[in-house]
N, C-alpha and C. Protein backbone atom coordinates (compact mmCIF):
# COMPACT_ATOMS: atom_id res chain seq x y z
N MET A 1 -48.11 -4.29 52.25
CA MET A 1 -47.53 -2.95 52.21
C MET A 1 -48.41 -2.02 53.01
N GLY A 2 -47.81 -1.19 53.83
CA GLY A 2 -48.59 -0.47 54.81
C GLY A 2 -48.87 0.97 54.49
N PRO A 3 -49.19 1.75 55.52
CA PRO A 3 -49.70 3.10 55.31
C PRO A 3 -48.80 3.93 54.42
N ALA A 4 -49.34 4.40 53.34
CA ALA A 4 -48.64 5.33 52.46
C ALA A 4 -49.39 6.64 52.54
N PRO A 5 -48.94 7.57 53.40
CA PRO A 5 -49.71 8.80 53.61
C PRO A 5 -49.68 9.68 52.37
N SER A 6 -50.39 9.28 51.36
CA SER A 6 -50.42 10.01 50.12
C SER A 6 -51.61 9.56 49.31
N GLY A 7 -52.23 10.48 48.56
CA GLY A 7 -53.31 10.10 47.67
C GLY A 7 -52.80 9.74 46.30
N ASP A 8 -51.51 9.85 46.08
CA ASP A 8 -50.92 9.53 44.80
C ASP A 8 -51.13 8.05 44.51
N PRO A 9 -51.48 7.69 43.24
CA PRO A 9 -51.75 6.28 42.94
C PRO A 9 -50.50 5.43 42.82
N GLN A 10 -49.42 5.79 43.50
CA GLN A 10 -48.26 4.91 43.56
C GLN A 10 -48.66 3.59 44.19
N GLY A 11 -49.63 3.63 45.10
CA GLY A 11 -50.13 2.41 45.70
C GLY A 11 -50.75 1.51 44.65
N ASN A 12 -51.41 2.11 43.65
CA ASN A 12 -51.98 1.33 42.56
C ASN A 12 -50.87 0.61 41.80
N ARG A 13 -49.78 1.30 41.55
CA ARG A 13 -48.66 0.71 40.83
C ARG A 13 -48.05 -0.44 41.62
N ALA A 14 -47.94 -0.26 42.94
CA ALA A 14 -47.39 -1.33 43.78
C ALA A 14 -48.28 -2.56 43.76
N ALA A 15 -49.59 -2.34 43.76
CA ALA A 15 -50.53 -3.45 43.72
C ALA A 15 -50.48 -4.15 42.37
N ARG A 16 -50.41 -3.38 41.30
CA ARG A 16 -50.45 -3.95 39.96
C ARG A 16 -49.15 -4.67 39.61
N ALA A 17 -48.02 -4.06 39.95
CA ALA A 17 -46.73 -4.62 39.54
C ALA A 17 -46.19 -5.66 40.51
N HIS A 18 -46.55 -5.54 41.80
CA HIS A 18 -45.93 -6.41 42.80
C HIS A 18 -46.94 -7.19 43.64
N GLY A 19 -48.22 -7.01 43.36
CA GLY A 19 -49.23 -7.74 44.11
C GLY A 19 -49.39 -7.29 45.54
N ALA A 20 -48.95 -6.07 45.85
CA ALA A 20 -49.01 -5.56 47.22
C ALA A 20 -50.44 -5.20 47.60
N ARG A 21 -50.72 -5.29 48.88
CA ARG A 21 -51.96 -4.74 49.44
C ARG A 21 -51.59 -3.44 50.14
N VAL A 22 -52.30 -2.39 49.81
CA VAL A 22 -51.90 -1.05 50.23
C VAL A 22 -53.05 -0.34 50.95
N ARG A 23 -52.70 0.35 52.02
CA ARG A 23 -53.62 1.27 52.68
C ARG A 23 -52.95 2.64 52.68
N ALA A 24 -53.57 3.61 52.03
CA ALA A 24 -52.98 4.94 51.88
C ALA A 24 -53.86 5.99 52.54
N PHE A 25 -53.24 6.87 53.31
CA PHE A 25 -53.97 7.91 54.05
C PHE A 25 -53.75 9.27 53.41
N ASN A 26 -54.84 10.06 53.37
CA ASN A 26 -54.76 11.40 52.82
C ASN A 26 -55.91 12.22 53.39
N VAL A 27 -55.67 13.50 53.65
CA VAL A 27 -56.73 14.36 54.19
C VAL A 27 -57.42 15.17 53.10
N SER A 28 -57.04 14.96 51.83
CA SER A 28 -57.67 15.67 50.72
C SER A 28 -58.75 14.80 50.09
N LEU A 29 -59.99 15.23 50.19
CA LEU A 29 -61.09 14.48 49.61
C LEU A 29 -60.92 14.34 48.10
N GLU A 30 -60.52 15.42 47.42
CA GLU A 30 -60.37 15.39 45.97
C GLU A 30 -59.32 14.37 45.54
N GLN A 31 -58.18 14.34 46.24
CA GLN A 31 -57.13 13.41 45.87
C GLN A 31 -57.54 11.96 46.16
N VAL A 32 -58.23 11.74 47.26
CA VAL A 32 -58.68 10.39 47.58
C VAL A 32 -59.68 9.89 46.54
N GLU A 33 -60.63 10.74 46.17
CA GLU A 33 -61.62 10.34 45.17
C GLU A 33 -60.96 10.04 43.83
N TRP A 34 -59.99 10.86 43.43
CA TRP A 34 -59.29 10.64 42.17
C TRP A 34 -58.49 9.33 42.22
N ALA A 35 -57.80 9.08 43.35
CA ALA A 35 -57.00 7.86 43.48
C ALA A 35 -57.89 6.62 43.44
N ARG A 36 -59.06 6.71 44.06
CA ARG A 36 -59.99 5.57 44.03
C ARG A 36 -60.47 5.31 42.60
N GLU A 37 -60.75 6.38 41.85
CA GLU A 37 -61.16 6.22 40.46
C GLU A 37 -60.07 5.53 39.65
N GLN A 38 -58.81 5.94 39.89
CA GLN A 38 -57.71 5.33 39.16
C GLN A 38 -57.56 3.85 39.52
N ALA A 39 -57.78 3.51 40.78
CA ALA A 39 -57.68 2.12 41.21
C ALA A 39 -58.73 1.27 40.51
N GLU A 40 -59.94 1.81 40.36
CA GLU A 40 -61.01 1.09 39.66
C GLU A 40 -60.63 0.88 38.19
N LYS A 41 -60.12 1.92 37.56
CA LYS A 41 -59.75 1.83 36.15
C LYS A 41 -58.63 0.82 35.92
N GLN A 42 -57.71 0.73 36.88
CA GLN A 42 -56.55 -0.15 36.73
C GLN A 42 -56.81 -1.56 37.26
N GLY A 43 -58.00 -1.79 37.79
CA GLY A 43 -58.36 -3.12 38.25
C GLY A 43 -57.69 -3.55 39.53
N VAL A 44 -57.31 -2.61 40.39
CA VAL A 44 -56.63 -2.97 41.64
C VAL A 44 -57.39 -2.48 42.87
N ALA A 45 -58.65 -2.09 42.68
CA ALA A 45 -59.41 -1.53 43.80
C ALA A 45 -59.55 -2.50 44.96
N SER A 46 -59.52 -3.80 44.68
CA SER A 46 -59.66 -4.79 45.75
C SER A 46 -58.39 -4.92 46.58
N ARG A 47 -57.28 -4.36 46.08
CA ARG A 47 -56.00 -4.49 46.78
C ARG A 47 -55.52 -3.17 47.37
N VAL A 48 -56.17 -2.07 47.01
CA VAL A 48 -55.71 -0.76 47.46
C VAL A 48 -56.86 -0.03 48.16
N GLU A 49 -56.60 0.44 49.37
CA GLU A 49 -57.58 1.18 50.14
C GLU A 49 -57.08 2.60 50.37
N PHE A 50 -57.81 3.57 49.86
CA PHE A 50 -57.47 4.97 50.08
C PHE A 50 -58.36 5.52 51.18
N VAL A 51 -57.75 5.91 52.29
CA VAL A 51 -58.46 6.30 53.49
C VAL A 51 -58.44 7.82 53.65
N LEU A 52 -59.61 8.41 53.79
CA LEU A 52 -59.70 9.86 54.02
C LEU A 52 -59.55 10.10 55.52
N ASP A 53 -58.31 10.24 55.97
CA ASP A 53 -58.05 10.40 57.40
C ASP A 53 -56.62 10.86 57.59
N ASP A 54 -56.33 11.32 58.79
CA ASP A 54 -54.99 11.74 59.18
C ASP A 54 -54.10 10.52 59.37
N TYR A 55 -52.85 10.62 58.91
CA TYR A 55 -51.92 9.48 59.03
C TYR A 55 -51.72 9.05 60.48
N ARG A 56 -51.92 9.97 61.41
CA ARG A 56 -51.69 9.63 62.82
C ARG A 56 -52.71 8.64 63.36
N ASN A 57 -53.78 8.44 62.60
CA ASN A 57 -54.81 7.48 63.01
C ASN A 57 -54.61 6.10 62.40
N ALA A 58 -53.48 5.89 61.73
CA ALA A 58 -53.22 4.60 61.09
C ALA A 58 -53.15 3.49 62.12
N THR A 59 -53.75 2.35 61.79
CA THR A 59 -53.72 1.17 62.65
C THR A 59 -53.37 -0.04 61.80
N GLY A 60 -53.06 -1.15 62.46
CA GLY A 60 -52.71 -2.38 61.76
C GLY A 60 -51.22 -2.64 61.83
N ARG A 61 -50.77 -3.65 61.10
CA ARG A 61 -49.36 -4.03 61.07
C ARG A 61 -48.99 -4.31 59.62
N PHE A 62 -47.90 -3.70 59.15
CA PHE A 62 -47.58 -3.73 57.74
C PHE A 62 -46.10 -4.06 57.50
N ASP A 63 -45.85 -4.64 56.32
CA ASP A 63 -44.49 -5.02 55.94
C ASP A 63 -43.67 -3.83 55.46
N ALA A 64 -44.35 -2.75 55.09
CA ALA A 64 -43.64 -1.57 54.59
C ALA A 64 -44.42 -0.31 54.94
N PHE A 65 -43.69 0.75 55.15
CA PHE A 65 -44.28 2.06 55.42
C PHE A 65 -43.64 3.05 54.46
N ALA A 66 -44.45 3.82 53.74
CA ALA A 66 -43.92 4.80 52.80
C ALA A 66 -44.56 6.15 53.03
N SER A 67 -43.74 7.16 53.22
CA SER A 67 -44.20 8.54 53.32
C SER A 67 -43.60 9.30 52.14
N VAL A 68 -44.44 9.69 51.20
CA VAL A 68 -43.95 10.31 49.96
C VAL A 68 -44.52 11.73 49.85
N GLY A 69 -43.66 12.72 49.92
CA GLY A 69 -44.09 14.10 49.76
C GLY A 69 -44.96 14.61 50.88
N MET A 70 -44.88 14.00 52.04
CA MET A 70 -45.71 14.42 53.18
C MET A 70 -44.90 15.13 54.25
N LEU A 71 -43.66 14.72 54.44
CA LEU A 71 -42.88 15.22 55.57
C LEU A 71 -42.72 16.73 55.55
N GLU A 72 -42.68 17.31 54.36
CA GLU A 72 -42.54 18.76 54.24
C GLU A 72 -43.66 19.51 54.95
N HIS A 73 -44.79 18.82 55.18
CA HIS A 73 -45.96 19.46 55.77
C HIS A 73 -46.24 18.98 57.20
N VAL A 74 -45.40 18.10 57.71
CA VAL A 74 -45.59 17.57 59.06
C VAL A 74 -45.08 18.55 60.11
N GLY A 75 -43.94 19.17 59.84
CA GLY A 75 -43.35 20.10 60.81
C GLY A 75 -42.41 19.39 61.76
N PRO A 76 -41.20 19.93 61.99
CA PRO A 76 -40.21 19.27 62.85
C PRO A 76 -40.72 18.93 64.24
N GLY A 77 -41.62 19.73 64.76
CA GLY A 77 -42.15 19.46 66.09
C GLY A 77 -42.97 18.19 66.17
N ASN A 78 -43.36 17.64 65.02
CA ASN A 78 -44.19 16.43 65.00
C ASN A 78 -43.44 15.21 64.49
N TYR A 79 -42.13 15.33 64.26
CA TYR A 79 -41.38 14.21 63.69
C TYR A 79 -41.36 13.01 64.63
N GLU A 80 -41.17 13.24 65.92
CA GLU A 80 -41.13 12.12 66.85
C GLU A 80 -42.48 11.40 66.90
N GLU A 81 -43.57 12.17 66.78
CA GLU A 81 -44.89 11.54 66.76
C GLU A 81 -45.07 10.69 65.51
N LEU A 82 -44.56 11.19 64.36
CA LEU A 82 -44.60 10.39 63.14
C LEU A 82 -43.82 9.10 63.34
N GLY A 83 -42.65 9.20 63.97
CA GLY A 83 -41.88 7.99 64.27
C GLY A 83 -42.65 7.02 65.13
N GLY A 84 -43.45 7.55 66.05
CA GLY A 84 -44.27 6.70 66.90
C GLY A 84 -45.33 5.95 66.11
N VAL A 85 -45.91 6.61 65.10
CA VAL A 85 -46.88 5.94 64.24
C VAL A 85 -46.21 4.80 63.49
N ILE A 86 -45.02 5.08 62.95
CA ILE A 86 -44.29 4.03 62.22
C ILE A 86 -43.94 2.88 63.14
N GLU A 87 -43.49 3.20 64.35
CA GLU A 87 -43.13 2.16 65.32
C GLU A 87 -44.33 1.27 65.63
N ARG A 88 -45.52 1.87 65.65
CA ARG A 88 -46.73 1.14 65.98
C ARG A 88 -47.17 0.20 64.86
N VAL A 89 -46.98 0.60 63.60
CA VAL A 89 -47.57 -0.17 62.50
C VAL A 89 -46.57 -1.02 61.71
N LEU A 90 -45.28 -0.78 61.87
CA LEU A 90 -44.29 -1.50 61.05
C LEU A 90 -44.00 -2.87 61.64
N ALA A 91 -44.06 -3.90 60.80
CA ALA A 91 -43.77 -5.27 61.22
C ALA A 91 -42.31 -5.38 61.68
N PRO A 92 -41.98 -6.38 62.51
CA PRO A 92 -40.61 -6.52 63.02
C PRO A 92 -39.55 -6.54 61.94
N GLU A 93 -39.84 -7.16 60.80
CA GLU A 93 -38.87 -7.22 59.71
C GLU A 93 -39.25 -6.30 58.56
N GLY A 94 -40.09 -5.31 58.85
CA GLY A 94 -40.54 -4.39 57.82
C GLY A 94 -39.51 -3.33 57.47
N LEU A 95 -39.73 -2.70 56.33
CA LEU A 95 -38.88 -1.61 55.87
C LEU A 95 -39.70 -0.34 55.74
N GLY A 96 -39.05 0.81 55.93
CA GLY A 96 -39.72 2.09 55.80
C GLY A 96 -39.01 2.98 54.80
N LEU A 97 -39.76 3.90 54.21
CA LEU A 97 -39.20 4.88 53.28
C LEU A 97 -39.81 6.24 53.57
N VAL A 98 -38.94 7.23 53.72
CA VAL A 98 -39.39 8.63 53.81
C VAL A 98 -38.77 9.38 52.64
N HIS A 99 -39.63 9.94 51.81
CA HIS A 99 -39.23 10.67 50.61
C HIS A 99 -39.65 12.12 50.82
N SER A 100 -38.69 13.04 50.85
CA SER A 100 -39.02 14.42 51.21
C SER A 100 -38.06 15.42 50.59
N ILE A 101 -38.59 16.55 50.18
CA ILE A 101 -37.74 17.69 49.85
C ILE A 101 -37.05 18.14 51.13
N GLY A 102 -35.79 18.52 51.01
CA GLY A 102 -35.05 18.90 52.21
C GLY A 102 -33.96 19.92 51.93
N ARG A 103 -33.11 20.10 52.92
CA ARG A 103 -31.99 21.05 52.86
C ARG A 103 -30.69 20.35 53.21
N SER A 104 -29.59 20.95 52.80
CA SER A 104 -28.28 20.46 53.22
C SER A 104 -27.98 20.87 54.66
N GLN A 105 -28.66 21.90 55.13
CA GLN A 105 -28.55 22.34 56.52
C GLN A 105 -29.87 22.99 56.91
N PRO A 106 -30.20 23.03 58.20
CA PRO A 106 -31.49 23.61 58.61
C PRO A 106 -31.64 25.05 58.15
N TYR A 107 -32.78 25.31 57.50
CA TYR A 107 -33.05 26.66 57.00
C TYR A 107 -34.52 26.75 56.66
N PRO A 108 -35.20 27.83 57.04
CA PRO A 108 -36.65 27.92 56.77
C PRO A 108 -36.96 28.08 55.30
N LEU A 109 -38.18 27.74 54.93
CA LEU A 109 -38.63 27.89 53.55
C LEU A 109 -38.72 29.38 53.20
N ASN A 110 -38.48 29.68 51.93
CA ASN A 110 -38.60 31.04 51.44
C ASN A 110 -39.93 31.65 51.89
N ARG A 111 -39.89 32.87 52.41
CA ARG A 111 -41.08 33.48 53.01
C ARG A 111 -42.21 33.62 52.00
N TRP A 112 -41.89 34.00 50.77
CA TRP A 112 -42.93 34.17 49.76
C TRP A 112 -43.62 32.84 49.45
N VAL A 113 -42.82 31.77 49.30
CA VAL A 113 -43.39 30.45 49.02
C VAL A 113 -44.23 29.99 50.21
N ALA A 114 -43.73 30.22 51.42
CA ALA A 114 -44.45 29.80 52.63
C ALA A 114 -45.77 30.56 52.78
N THR A 115 -45.83 31.78 52.26
CA THR A 115 -47.05 32.60 52.39
C THR A 115 -48.03 32.34 51.25
N ARG A 116 -47.52 32.26 50.01
CA ARG A 116 -48.39 32.22 48.84
C ARG A 116 -48.66 30.82 48.29
N ILE A 117 -47.74 29.89 48.52
CA ILE A 117 -47.85 28.57 47.87
C ILE A 117 -48.05 27.45 48.88
N PHE A 118 -47.15 27.32 49.85
CA PHE A 118 -47.20 26.22 50.81
C PHE A 118 -47.17 26.75 52.24
N PRO A 119 -48.30 27.20 52.77
CA PRO A 119 -48.32 27.69 54.15
C PRO A 119 -47.86 26.62 55.13
N ASN A 120 -46.99 27.03 56.05
CA ASN A 120 -46.49 26.17 57.14
C ASN A 120 -45.60 25.02 56.66
N ALA A 121 -45.18 25.03 55.41
CA ALA A 121 -44.30 23.96 54.93
C ALA A 121 -42.88 24.17 55.45
N TYR A 122 -42.13 23.06 55.54
CA TYR A 122 -40.75 23.14 56.03
C TYR A 122 -39.94 21.97 55.46
N PRO A 123 -38.96 22.24 54.59
CA PRO A 123 -38.09 21.18 54.07
C PRO A 123 -36.95 20.91 55.05
N PRO A 124 -36.87 19.72 55.63
CA PRO A 124 -35.90 19.47 56.70
C PRO A 124 -34.51 19.09 56.20
N ALA A 125 -33.54 19.33 57.04
CA ALA A 125 -32.20 18.77 56.83
C ALA A 125 -32.20 17.33 57.32
N LEU A 126 -31.22 16.54 56.88
CA LEU A 126 -31.13 15.15 57.32
C LEU A 126 -31.01 15.06 58.84
N SER A 127 -30.29 15.99 59.44
CA SER A 127 -30.14 15.97 60.89
C SER A 127 -31.48 16.11 61.59
N GLU A 128 -32.38 16.90 60.99
CA GLU A 128 -33.71 17.07 61.58
C GLU A 128 -34.59 15.85 61.34
N MET A 129 -34.41 15.21 60.18
CA MET A 129 -35.18 14.00 59.88
C MET A 129 -34.86 12.87 60.85
N MET A 130 -33.69 12.90 61.43
CA MET A 130 -33.31 11.84 62.37
C MET A 130 -34.19 11.83 63.61
N ARG A 131 -34.94 12.91 63.86
CA ARG A 131 -35.87 12.93 64.99
C ARG A 131 -37.00 11.92 64.79
N ILE A 132 -37.21 11.50 63.55
CA ILE A 132 -38.19 10.45 63.29
C ILE A 132 -37.65 9.10 63.75
N PHE A 133 -36.37 8.86 63.49
CA PHE A 133 -35.79 7.52 63.64
C PHE A 133 -35.15 7.26 65.00
N GLU A 134 -34.35 8.19 65.48
CA GLU A 134 -33.55 7.94 66.67
C GLU A 134 -34.38 7.65 67.93
N PRO A 135 -35.45 8.42 68.22
CA PRO A 135 -36.19 8.15 69.45
C PRO A 135 -36.84 6.76 69.48
N HIS A 136 -37.02 6.16 68.30
CA HIS A 136 -37.69 4.86 68.22
C HIS A 136 -36.73 3.74 67.81
N ASN A 137 -35.45 4.04 67.85
CA ASN A 137 -34.41 3.03 67.60
C ASN A 137 -34.52 2.40 66.22
N PHE A 138 -34.84 3.22 65.22
CA PHE A 138 -34.81 2.75 63.84
C PHE A 138 -33.40 2.89 63.29
N ALA A 139 -33.03 1.98 62.40
CA ALA A 139 -31.72 2.00 61.78
C ALA A 139 -31.85 2.52 60.35
N VAL A 140 -31.14 3.57 60.00
CA VAL A 140 -31.13 4.07 58.63
C VAL A 140 -30.25 3.17 57.79
N LEU A 141 -30.80 2.63 56.70
CA LEU A 141 -30.08 1.69 55.85
C LEU A 141 -29.51 2.35 54.60
N ASP A 142 -30.19 3.37 54.12
CA ASP A 142 -29.77 3.97 52.85
C ASP A 142 -30.30 5.39 52.76
N VAL A 143 -29.49 6.29 52.22
CA VAL A 143 -29.90 7.68 51.99
C VAL A 143 -29.48 8.05 50.57
N GLU A 144 -30.43 8.58 49.82
CA GLU A 144 -30.12 9.01 48.45
C GLU A 144 -30.66 10.42 48.26
N ASN A 145 -29.87 11.25 47.58
CA ASN A 145 -30.29 12.61 47.27
C ASN A 145 -30.55 12.70 45.77
N LEU A 146 -31.82 12.85 45.41
CA LEU A 146 -32.22 12.91 44.00
C LEU A 146 -32.40 14.35 43.54
N ARG A 147 -31.55 15.24 44.00
CA ARG A 147 -31.69 16.66 43.70
C ARG A 147 -31.73 16.93 42.20
N ARG A 148 -30.82 16.36 41.44
CA ARG A 148 -30.76 16.65 40.00
C ARG A 148 -31.96 16.08 39.26
N HIS A 149 -32.48 14.95 39.76
CA HIS A 149 -33.68 14.38 39.16
C HIS A 149 -34.86 15.33 39.34
N TYR A 150 -34.96 15.92 40.54
CA TYR A 150 -36.09 16.81 40.80
C TYR A 150 -35.97 18.10 40.00
N GLU A 151 -34.74 18.54 39.79
CA GLU A 151 -34.54 19.71 38.92
C GLU A 151 -35.13 19.44 37.54
N LEU A 152 -34.84 18.27 36.98
CA LEU A 152 -35.37 17.92 35.67
C LEU A 152 -36.88 17.80 35.69
N THR A 153 -37.42 17.20 36.76
CA THR A 153 -38.87 17.10 36.90
C THR A 153 -39.51 18.48 36.91
N ALA A 154 -38.94 19.40 37.68
CA ALA A 154 -39.48 20.76 37.77
C ALA A 154 -39.39 21.48 36.42
N GLU A 155 -38.34 21.20 35.66
CA GLU A 155 -38.22 21.79 34.32
C GLU A 155 -39.38 21.34 33.43
N HIS A 156 -39.72 20.05 33.52
CA HIS A 156 -40.85 19.54 32.73
C HIS A 156 -42.17 20.18 33.19
N TRP A 157 -42.34 20.31 34.51
CA TRP A 157 -43.55 20.96 35.04
C TRP A 157 -43.68 22.38 34.49
N LEU A 158 -42.57 23.12 34.55
CA LEU A 158 -42.60 24.51 34.11
C LEU A 158 -42.92 24.61 32.62
N ALA A 159 -42.31 23.73 31.82
CA ALA A 159 -42.56 23.75 30.37
C ALA A 159 -44.03 23.45 30.07
N ARG A 160 -44.60 22.47 30.76
CA ARG A 160 -46.00 22.13 30.53
C ARG A 160 -46.93 23.23 31.02
N TYR A 161 -46.55 23.85 32.11
CA TYR A 161 -47.35 24.95 32.64
C TYR A 161 -47.41 26.09 31.62
N ARG A 162 -46.25 26.45 31.09
CA ARG A 162 -46.20 27.54 30.13
C ARG A 162 -46.94 27.17 28.84
N LYS A 163 -46.86 25.93 28.44
CA LYS A 163 -47.56 25.47 27.23
C LYS A 163 -49.07 25.60 27.38
N ASN A 164 -49.55 25.41 28.61
CA ASN A 164 -50.99 25.46 28.88
C ASN A 164 -51.42 26.75 29.57
N ARG A 165 -50.59 27.75 29.51
CA ARG A 165 -50.85 28.98 30.26
C ARG A 165 -52.17 29.65 29.86
N ARG A 166 -52.53 29.60 28.58
CA ARG A 166 -53.77 30.26 28.15
C ARG A 166 -54.97 29.63 28.85
N GLY A 167 -54.99 28.31 28.93
CA GLY A 167 -56.09 27.64 29.61
C GLY A 167 -56.10 27.90 31.10
N ILE A 168 -54.90 28.02 31.70
CA ILE A 168 -54.80 28.31 33.13
C ILE A 168 -55.33 29.71 33.43
N ASP A 169 -54.99 30.67 32.56
CA ASP A 169 -55.46 32.05 32.76
C ASP A 169 -56.98 32.14 32.70
N ALA A 170 -57.60 31.20 31.98
CA ALA A 170 -59.06 31.21 31.88
C ALA A 170 -59.73 30.66 33.12
N GLN A 171 -58.95 29.98 33.98
CA GLN A 171 -59.53 29.33 35.17
C GLN A 171 -59.22 30.06 36.47
N VAL A 172 -58.11 30.77 36.53
CA VAL A 172 -57.71 31.43 37.78
C VAL A 172 -57.30 32.87 37.48
N PRO A 173 -57.30 33.74 38.50
CA PRO A 173 -56.84 35.11 38.29
C PRO A 173 -55.41 35.14 37.76
N GLN A 174 -55.10 36.11 36.93
CA GLN A 174 -53.78 36.20 36.31
C GLN A 174 -52.69 36.30 37.37
N GLU A 175 -52.99 36.99 38.46
CA GLU A 175 -52.01 37.11 39.55
C GLU A 175 -51.64 35.73 40.11
N THR A 176 -52.65 34.87 40.26
CA THR A 176 -52.40 33.51 40.76
C THR A 176 -51.60 32.71 39.75
N ALA A 177 -51.95 32.84 38.48
CA ALA A 177 -51.24 32.11 37.43
C ALA A 177 -49.77 32.52 37.39
N ARG A 178 -49.51 33.82 37.49
CA ARG A 178 -48.12 34.31 37.49
C ARG A 178 -47.37 33.82 38.72
N ALA A 179 -48.06 33.78 39.86
CA ALA A 179 -47.41 33.34 41.10
C ALA A 179 -46.93 31.90 40.99
N PHE A 180 -47.76 31.03 40.42
CA PHE A 180 -47.36 29.63 40.32
C PHE A 180 -46.29 29.42 39.25
N GLU A 181 -46.30 30.22 38.20
CA GLU A 181 -45.22 30.13 37.23
C GLU A 181 -43.90 30.56 37.86
N LEU A 182 -43.95 31.63 38.65
CA LEU A 182 -42.75 32.07 39.37
C LEU A 182 -42.28 30.99 40.34
N TYR A 183 -43.22 30.35 41.04
CA TYR A 183 -42.86 29.28 41.96
C TYR A 183 -42.15 28.14 41.25
N LEU A 184 -42.69 27.70 40.11
CA LEU A 184 -42.07 26.59 39.37
C LEU A 184 -40.68 26.98 38.86
N ALA A 185 -40.54 28.20 38.36
CA ALA A 185 -39.22 28.65 37.91
C ALA A 185 -38.24 28.71 39.08
N GLY A 186 -38.72 29.17 40.23
CA GLY A 186 -37.86 29.21 41.41
C GLY A 186 -37.49 27.82 41.89
N THR A 187 -38.41 26.85 41.72
CA THR A 187 -38.12 25.47 42.11
C THR A 187 -36.98 24.91 41.26
N VAL A 188 -37.04 25.14 39.97
CA VAL A 188 -35.95 24.70 39.09
C VAL A 188 -34.62 25.29 39.57
N ALA A 189 -34.61 26.59 39.84
CA ALA A 189 -33.39 27.27 40.27
C ALA A 189 -32.88 26.73 41.61
N ALA A 190 -33.81 26.48 42.54
CA ALA A 190 -33.42 26.03 43.87
C ALA A 190 -32.74 24.66 43.83
N PHE A 191 -33.27 23.75 43.02
CA PHE A 191 -32.63 22.43 42.92
C PHE A 191 -31.36 22.48 42.09
N ARG A 192 -31.32 23.35 41.10
CA ARG A 192 -30.11 23.47 40.28
C ARG A 192 -28.97 24.04 41.12
N CYS A 193 -29.28 24.97 42.01
CA CYS A 193 -28.25 25.60 42.84
C CYS A 193 -28.03 24.86 44.16
N ALA A 194 -28.77 23.77 44.38
CA ALA A 194 -28.62 22.93 45.58
C ALA A 194 -29.04 23.63 46.86
N THR A 195 -29.91 24.64 46.76
CA THR A 195 -30.48 25.18 47.99
C THR A 195 -31.61 24.28 48.49
N LEU A 196 -32.11 23.40 47.60
CA LEU A 196 -33.05 22.36 47.98
C LEU A 196 -32.52 21.01 47.53
N CYS A 197 -32.87 19.97 48.29
CA CYS A 197 -32.48 18.60 47.97
C CYS A 197 -33.74 17.74 47.91
N LEU A 198 -33.58 16.51 47.52
CA LEU A 198 -34.69 15.56 47.56
C LEU A 198 -34.16 14.26 48.16
N TYR A 199 -34.53 14.01 49.40
CA TYR A 199 -33.99 12.86 50.12
C TYR A 199 -34.94 11.66 50.07
N GLN A 200 -34.34 10.49 49.91
CA GLN A 200 -35.04 9.23 50.10
C GLN A 200 -34.28 8.44 51.16
N VAL A 201 -34.92 8.20 52.29
CA VAL A 201 -34.28 7.52 53.41
C VAL A 201 -34.99 6.19 53.64
N VAL A 202 -34.23 5.11 53.55
CA VAL A 202 -34.75 3.77 53.81
C VAL A 202 -34.29 3.34 55.20
N PHE A 203 -35.19 2.74 55.97
CA PHE A 203 -34.86 2.39 57.35
C PHE A 203 -35.61 1.14 57.77
N SER A 204 -35.22 0.60 58.91
CA SER A 204 -35.90 -0.56 59.48
C SER A 204 -35.70 -0.52 60.99
N ARG A 205 -36.26 -1.50 61.68
CA ARG A 205 -35.96 -1.63 63.10
C ARG A 205 -34.49 -2.02 63.24
N SER A 206 -33.86 -1.55 64.31
CA SER A 206 -32.42 -1.68 64.42
C SER A 206 -31.93 -3.13 64.44
N ARG A 207 -32.73 -4.06 64.93
CA ARG A 207 -32.30 -5.45 65.03
C ARG A 207 -32.86 -6.32 63.89
N ASN A 208 -33.27 -5.68 62.82
CA ASN A 208 -33.79 -6.41 61.67
C ASN A 208 -32.64 -6.97 60.84
N ASP A 209 -32.50 -8.28 60.77
CA ASP A 209 -31.46 -8.91 59.95
C ASP A 209 -32.00 -9.41 58.62
N ALA A 210 -33.29 -9.24 58.37
CA ALA A 210 -33.89 -9.71 57.12
C ALA A 210 -33.75 -8.65 56.03
N ILE A 211 -32.51 -8.22 55.81
CA ILE A 211 -32.22 -7.21 54.80
C ILE A 211 -31.14 -7.76 53.87
N PRO A 212 -31.10 -7.32 52.62
CA PRO A 212 -30.11 -7.85 51.66
C PRO A 212 -28.68 -7.56 52.10
N TRP A 213 -27.79 -8.49 51.75
CA TRP A 213 -26.37 -8.29 52.02
C TRP A 213 -25.76 -7.28 51.05
N THR A 214 -26.26 -7.26 49.83
CA THR A 214 -25.74 -6.36 48.79
C THR A 214 -26.91 -5.67 48.10
N ARG A 215 -26.58 -4.85 47.10
CA ARG A 215 -27.60 -4.18 46.31
C ARG A 215 -27.86 -4.89 44.99
N ALA A 216 -27.38 -6.11 44.88
CA ALA A 216 -27.52 -6.84 43.61
C ALA A 216 -28.96 -6.96 43.19
N ASP A 217 -29.90 -7.10 44.14
CA ASP A 217 -31.31 -7.28 43.79
C ASP A 217 -31.88 -6.06 43.08
N LEU A 218 -31.25 -4.89 43.28
CA LEU A 218 -31.74 -3.67 42.63
C LEU A 218 -31.51 -3.69 41.13
N PHE A 219 -30.57 -4.53 40.69
CA PHE A 219 -30.19 -4.54 39.29
C PHE A 219 -30.66 -5.79 38.55
N GLU A 220 -31.45 -6.62 39.22
CA GLU A 220 -31.99 -7.79 38.56
C GLU A 220 -33.10 -7.37 37.60
N ALA A 221 -33.21 -8.12 36.52
CA ALA A 221 -34.22 -7.81 35.50
C ALA A 221 -35.62 -8.02 36.10
């Protein structure tokens, strides 16, 4: 299993549950250190490598490529370059996954969120995401929109945030605490009203025939 540009220990889960070997890239020292600690605790450190580096420096050849929660920060102007990285590292019969918050049509991120919470972030429309795949002749195999799932996730985040608000106020300025509570509440509303989506796009090289004929394998015990 190949470059997963994320410090999230999903790579640990892949190694533990499926025996995968994972190399994950992240530019956050704190997230990389935390992920490495989790790998040690879960006994998969020998199978999972968390690399403190930019995803564009990924090398090697892998059976799978996963980008989870990263595309929102790549910027549309860099999508073709991201596709070039995938083209370089993905095995001939490999599969890729891009998981990203997005839009039903091209539209910039809310100005307040872009200024106060996620500077330079951009949730793409599917048409914009195709700039990753088309220049490198990748074939999109499956697209799923998990918008309602993310709404529920955001509801849980907001509830936990409010439950722990007293402790949060003790760590950060009240203005900051209020800003992030507003952001989480707005996230719930955005996914509930479908102004934001959550796309999962599975793809491969266009001439890859080593793919399932049906989805029956998804429902096997």
